[in-house]
Amino acid sequence: MNRIKKIIIPIFSFALLTLFDQLTKLWARNSLSSPKVLIDGVFELRYVKNTGAAFGILKGQHWLFYILAVIVLFAAVFCYIKYLSARRFLILRIIVVFICSGIVGNLIDRVRFGFVTDFFYISLIDFPVFNVADIYISWSMVLLIILLLFKYKDTDFKPEKNVD
């Protein structure tokens, strides 16, 4: 039963997170014909078609994004299965699920539309427009870096013979 939970819960979580991302993007495409100011001078919702990566870099490089997405997804799933089965890696497993959900959420947009739907805009600092999948990826990467720098050691990632 424990082994089934380790498979079903991450897959269900991945699907739910990806669905939430896709639903928010659908809402943005259908509802944001003009920007909606939520906090004047600070935050607004603004529909943008992003054909690039983060901050609009590498516009139109679709094949590069497809290849990178597949490589990162493969590496994440490999690490998840090979190194993160122990209980002490629960937070890392959660982070991997969020990263994979973000990658797949944006990949779905690229395949379906040729662009990624972005809609959050922090006007206070003129931050590039972003979406839920971007939040999954960026915050997960920040947490991952912090954990790898300050919590885990290289020796923590050696495969164990008996994992819990």
Foldseek 3Di string as FASTA:
>chain_A
DVVVCLVVVLVVLLVVLLVVQLVVLVCLVVPPPDKDDPDPQFKIWHKDWAQAPAPNPPHPPLVVLVVVLVVLLVVLVCLCVFFQQAPVNPLVSVLSSLLNSLSVSQNVCCVPPVTGIFIIATNNVRGDTHTSSVVSNPVSVVVVVCCDVPPDDPVSRDGDPDGD
